[in-house]
Amino acid sequence: MDHHSPRTTIAIVGGTGPQGRGLGYRLARAGHQVILGSRDGDRAAQAAADLSELPAVGTTVRGDTNASAAADAEVVILAVPYKGHADLVGGLAADLDGKLLISCVNPLGFDRHGPYGLDVPDGSAAEEAARIVPGTTVVGAFHHLSAPLLLDPGADLSHEDVLVCGDDAEAKTRVMALAVEVTGGRGVDAGRLRTARQLEPLTAVLISVNKRYRTRSGIAVTGMPQPTPEKVIV
């Protein structure tokens, strides 16, 4: 089976934030058409122009409003803060219907003791999105990648695993192939969409590690079988 993803138009809702720009850069470098979305279309256009100046970007990166970006894409990545998430997804429902939606939203809170996972009524942000747009195939992925490393042209992320969860096997395989292109490492099937309830707040652990050791930590799973040549573990 060929696990390499076909060239695709990918919109990133929240594409002007660090995570959105980082994923956009890596996907554009892999040859996908990338549209950075923002509430402010002009801000998105400026972010896209900046990304286009980075090394090895072989395709056009453009910016637009979140709604226009989602409407024009085959695949949409949600890279937004959790605050306002439900209203944002609901407002994009018509543009997301029938598409593949990848959620890397991490519902986190911060207090004087540091970061922690928030209680989400639906269980996770990914499941919340799936409820709001039932005609959309939702997959959770890219929760644990460091935004500064994604944006660093020289950063090697091949030692990190991207954990992917979802209820549609074909969609998960497609997202795992995208994960390989983003990191050069492995895409790992982490189970059903409900496992996003564990994956999303795990980011708080990495933030705590980063603060304690002044590093940019990631996730690598031990005890795995040897990956296929495409580095997708299914």
Protein backbone atom coordinates (compact mmCIF):
# COMPACT_ATOMS: atom_id res chain seq x y z
CA MET A 1 0.00 0.00 0.00
CA ASP A 2 1.24 3.50 -0.88
CA HIS A 3 1.05 5.62 2.25
CA HIS A 4 2.36 8.78 0.63
CA SER A 5 -0.35 11.41 0.57
CA PRO A 6 -1.43 12.93 -2.75
CA ARG A 7 -0.78 16.61 -3.30
CA THR A 8 -3.68 18.33 -1.61
CA THR A 9 -5.04 21.79 -0.84
CA ILE A 10 -4.86 22.13 2.95
CA ALA A 11 -6.39 24.99 4.92
CA ILE A 12 -5.15 25.81 8.40
CA VAL A 13 -7.77 27.50 10.53
CA GLY A 14 -5.76 29.56 12.99
CA GLY A 15 -2.93 29.58 10.50
CA THR A 16 -1.31 32.76 11.79
CA GLY A 17 -0.55 31.25 15.20
CA PRO A 18 2.79 29.51 15.86
CA GLN A 19 1.43 25.95 15.46
CA GLY A 20 -0.55 26.84 12.37
CA ARG A 21 2.39 28.54 10.69
CA GLY A 22 4.70 25.67 11.62
CA LEU A 23 2.43 23.01 10.17
CA GLY A 24 1.81 25.20 7.13
CA TYR A 25 5.53 25.51 6.48
CA ARG A 26 6.18 21.79 6.74
CA LEU A 27 3.21 20.90 4.52
CA ALA A 28 4.14 23.49 1.90
CA ARG A 29 7.68 22.14 1.94
CA ALA A 30 6.21 18.70 1.20
CA GLY A 31 4.48 20.10 -1.88
CA HIS A 32 0.91 20.69 -0.71
CA GLN A 33 -1.02 23.84 -1.52
CA VAL A 34 -1.46 25.61 1.82
CA ILE A 35 -3.99 28.29 2.76
CA LEU A 36 -3.42 30.01 6.09
CA GLY A 37 -6.71 31.08 7.61
CA SER A 38 -7.35 33.82 10.14
CA ARG A 39 -10.19 35.97 11.38
CA ASP A 40 -8.21 38.78 9.70
CA GLY A 41 -7.56 37.99 6.04
CA ASP A 42 -4.85 40.66 5.73
CA ARG A 43 -2.97 39.19 8.67
CA ALA A 44 -3.21 35.77 7.06
CA ALA A 45 -1.87 37.13 3.77
CA GLN A 46 1.14 38.63 5.55
CA ALA A 47 1.83 35.36 7.41
CA ALA A 48 1.62 33.48 4.11
CA ALA A 49 4.07 35.87 2.47
CA ASP A 50 6.48 35.37 5.35
CA LEU A 51 6.24 31.57 5.08
CA SER A 52 6.86 31.70 1.35
CA GLU A 53 10.27 33.25 2.07
CA LEU A 54 11.42 30.25 4.13
CA PRO A 55 13.76 27.68 2.52
CA ALA A 56 12.46 24.83 0.37
CA VAL A 57 8.86 26.02 0.06
CA GLY A 58 8.02 24.65 -3.37
CA THR A 59 4.35 25.60 -3.59
CA THR A 60 2.22 28.68 -3.19
CA VAL A 61 1.21 29.60 0.33
CA ARG A 62 -1.63 32.09 0.52
CA GLY A 63 -3.71 33.64 3.26
CA ASP A 64 -7.45 34.23 3.59
CA THR A 65 -10.22 34.39 6.14
CA ASN A 66 -10.88 31.17 8.03
CA ALA A 67 -14.16 30.60 6.20
CA SER A 68 -12.75 31.18 2.71
CA ALA A 69 -9.70 29.05 3.46
CA ALA A 70 -11.84 26.15 4.68
CA ALA A 71 -14.21 26.45 1.73
CA ASP A 72 -11.36 26.23 -0.80
CA ALA A 73 -9.57 23.23 0.75
CA GLU A 74 -9.94 19.46 0.70
CA VAL A 75 -8.37 19.03 4.13
CA VAL A 76 -8.72 21.47 7.03
CA ILE A 77 -6.47 21.64 10.10
CA LEU A 78 -7.83 23.24 13.26
CA ALA A 79 -4.90 24.95 15.01
CA VAL A 80 -6.72 27.35 17.32
CA PRO A 81 -6.85 27.94 21.06
CA TYR A 82 -9.65 26.06 22.78
CA LYS A 83 -11.32 29.26 23.98
CA GLY A 84 -14.13 30.01 21.53
CA HIS A 85 -13.63 26.64 19.81
CA ALA A 86 -17.28 25.62 19.66
CA ASP A 87 -18.43 28.95 18.23
CA LEU A 88 -15.64 28.94 15.65
CA VAL A 89 -16.36 25.40 14.45
CA GLY A 90 -20.09 26.06 14.38
CA GLY A 91 -19.53 29.15 12.28
CA LEU A 92 -17.53 27.12 9.76
CA ALA A 93 -19.96 24.16 9.65
CA ALA A 94 -21.05 24.72 6.05
CA ASP A 95 -17.42 25.10 4.87
CA LEU A 96 -16.30 21.97 6.74
CA ASP A 97 -19.14 19.66 5.71
CA GLY A 98 -17.96 16.55 3.89
CA LYS A 99 -14.26 17.29 4.43
CA LEU A 100 -11.42 15.81 6.44
CA LEU A 101 -10.87 17.89 9.57
CA ILE A 102 -7.66 17.41 11.55
CA SER A 103 -7.80 18.77 15.10
CA CYS A 104 -4.65 19.62 17.00
CA VAL A 105 -6.55 21.72 19.54
CA ASN A 106 -5.31 21.33 23.13
CA PRO A 107 -7.80 22.45 25.80
CA LEU A 108 -5.40 23.70 28.45
CA GLY A 109 -5.59 25.96 31.46
CA PHE A 110 -2.77 27.73 33.26
CA ASP A 111 -2.47 28.80 36.87
CA ARG A 112 0.35 29.50 39.30
CA HIS A 113 1.20 25.78 39.36
CA GLY A 114 1.55 25.59 35.58
CA PRO A 115 -0.47 24.02 32.74
CA TYR A 116 -3.27 21.49 33.13
CA GLY A 117 -5.91 19.85 30.95
CA LEU A 118 -9.39 21.35 30.97
CA ASP A 119 -12.54 19.31 31.43
CA VAL A 120 -14.38 19.26 28.09
CA PRO A 121 -18.08 18.30 28.12
CA ASP A 122 -17.72 16.22 24.93
CA GLY A 123 -14.56 14.54 26.28
CA SER A 124 -12.13 16.33 23.96
CA ALA A 125 -11.94 19.20 21.52
CA ALA A 126 -11.84 16.71 18.63
CA GLU A 127 -15.05 15.04 19.80
CA GLU A 128 -16.64 18.45 20.29
CA ALA A 129 -15.86 19.32 16.66
CA ALA A 130 -17.23 15.96 15.50
CA ARG A 131 -20.51 16.64 17.30
CA ILE A 132 -20.85 20.17 15.90
CA VAL A 133 -20.12 19.13 12.28
CA PRO A 134 -21.40 15.53 12.00
CA GLY A 135 -20.93 15.55 8.24
CA THR A 136 -17.19 16.04 8.67
CA THR A 137 -14.61 13.28 9.25
CA VAL A 138 -12.59 14.36 12.29
CA VAL A 139 -9.12 13.02 13.09
CA GLY A 140 -6.94 14.13 16.00
CA ALA A 141 -3.22 14.64 15.30
CA PHE A 142 -0.21 16.97 15.66
CA HIS A 143 -0.99 17.82 19.30
CA HIS A 144 2.56 17.41 20.59
CA LEU A 145 4.84 18.97 17.98
CA SER A 146 6.86 22.02 18.97
CA ALA A 147 5.85 25.10 16.96
CA PRO A 148 9.37 26.65 16.99
CA LEU A 149 10.86 23.39 15.71
CA LEU A 150 8.22 23.09 12.96
CA LEU A 151 9.17 26.59 11.81
CA ASP A 152 12.91 25.93 11.97
CA PRO A 153 14.08 24.86 8.49
CA GLY A 154 17.03 23.01 10.01
CA ALA A 155 15.16 21.15 12.75
CA ASP A 156 15.10 17.35 12.45
CA LEU A 157 11.83 15.95 13.83
CA SER A 158 12.30 12.42 12.48
CA HIS A 159 12.81 10.98 15.98
CA GLU A 160 9.30 12.07 17.05
CA ASP A 161 6.07 10.13 16.61
CA VAL A 162 2.79 11.77 15.62
CA LEU A 163 -0.07 10.03 17.43
CA VAL A 164 -3.23 9.96 15.32
CA CYS A 165 -6.71 9.09 16.56
CA GLY A 166 -10.01 8.76 14.74
CA ASP A 167 -12.96 6.55 13.94
CA ASP A 168 -12.44 6.38 10.15
CA ALA A 169 -9.56 4.05 9.25
CA GLU A 170 -9.00 5.47 5.76
CA ALA A 171 -8.91 9.03 7.08
CA LYS A 172 -6.43 8.05 9.80
CA THR A 173 -4.14 6.46 7.25
CA ARG A 174 -4.26 9.63 5.17
CA VAL A 175 -3.40 11.79 8.18
CA MET A 176 -0.57 9.46 9.21
CA ALA A 177 0.91 9.92 5.74
CA LEU A 178 0.72 13.69 6.20
CA ALA A 179 2.42 13.26 9.58
CA VAL A 180 5.35 11.50 7.90
CA GLU A 181 5.70 14.44 5.53
CA VAL A 182 5.59 16.96 8.37
CA THR A 183 8.23 15.31 10.56
CA GLY A 184 10.08 12.74 8.45
CA GLY A 185 9.34 10.37 11.34
CA ARG A 186 6.43 8.07 12.09
CA GLY A 187 2.68 8.40 12.04
CA VAL A 188 1.20 6.09 14.65
CA ASP A 189 -2.41 4.88 14.91
CA ALA A 190 -3.36 5.74 18.50
CA GLY A 191 -6.92 4.38 18.39
CA ARG A 192 -10.42 5.78 18.23
CA LEU A 193 -11.27 9.47 18.32
CA ARG A 194 -12.07 9.20 22.02
CA THR A 195 -8.36 8.75 22.79
CA ALA A 196 -8.08 12.49 22.05
CA ARG A 197 -9.27 12.79 25.68
CA GLN A 198 -5.81 11.60 26.69
CA LEU A 199 -3.73 13.04 23.84
CA GLU A 200 -4.90 16.63 24.16
CA PRO A 201 -4.12 17.22 27.87
CA LEU A 202 -0.84 15.30 27.56
CA THR A 203 0.48 18.51 26.03
CA ALA A 204 0.44 20.01 29.53
CA VAL A 205 3.00 17.39 30.56
CA LEU A 206 5.32 18.36 27.71
CA ILE A 207 5.01 22.05 28.54
CA SER A 208 5.97 21.27 32.14
CA VAL A 209 8.97 19.22 30.98
CA ASN A 210 10.02 22.03 28.64
CA LYS A 211 9.94 24.56 31.44
CA ARG A 212 11.84 22.35 33.87
CA TYR A 213 14.57 21.28 31.45
CA ARG A 214 14.54 24.28 29.09
CA THR A 215 14.00 22.11 26.06
CA ARG A 216 11.41 21.38 23.36
CA SER A 217 10.23 17.88 24.14
CA GLY A 218 8.18 15.60 21.94
CA ILE A 219 6.66 12.12 21.96
CA ALA A 220 8.37 8.89 20.88
CA VAL A 221 6.71 5.51 21.47
CA THR A 222 8.97 2.58 22.35
CA GLY A 223 8.38 -1.10 21.67
CA MET A 224 6.89 -0.50 18.22
CA PRO A 225 7.39 -2.85 15.27
CA GLN A 226 9.79 -1.70 12.62
CA PRO A 227 8.04 0.88 10.44
CA THR A 228 7.25 0.37 6.79
CA PRO A 229 9.47 2.29 4.38
CA GLU A 230 6.88 5.09 4.54
CA LYS A 231 7.12 5.12 8.37
CA VAL A 232 3.38 4.75 8.89
CA ILE A 233 2.44 2.33 11.65
CA VAL A 234 -1.07 0.94 11.31
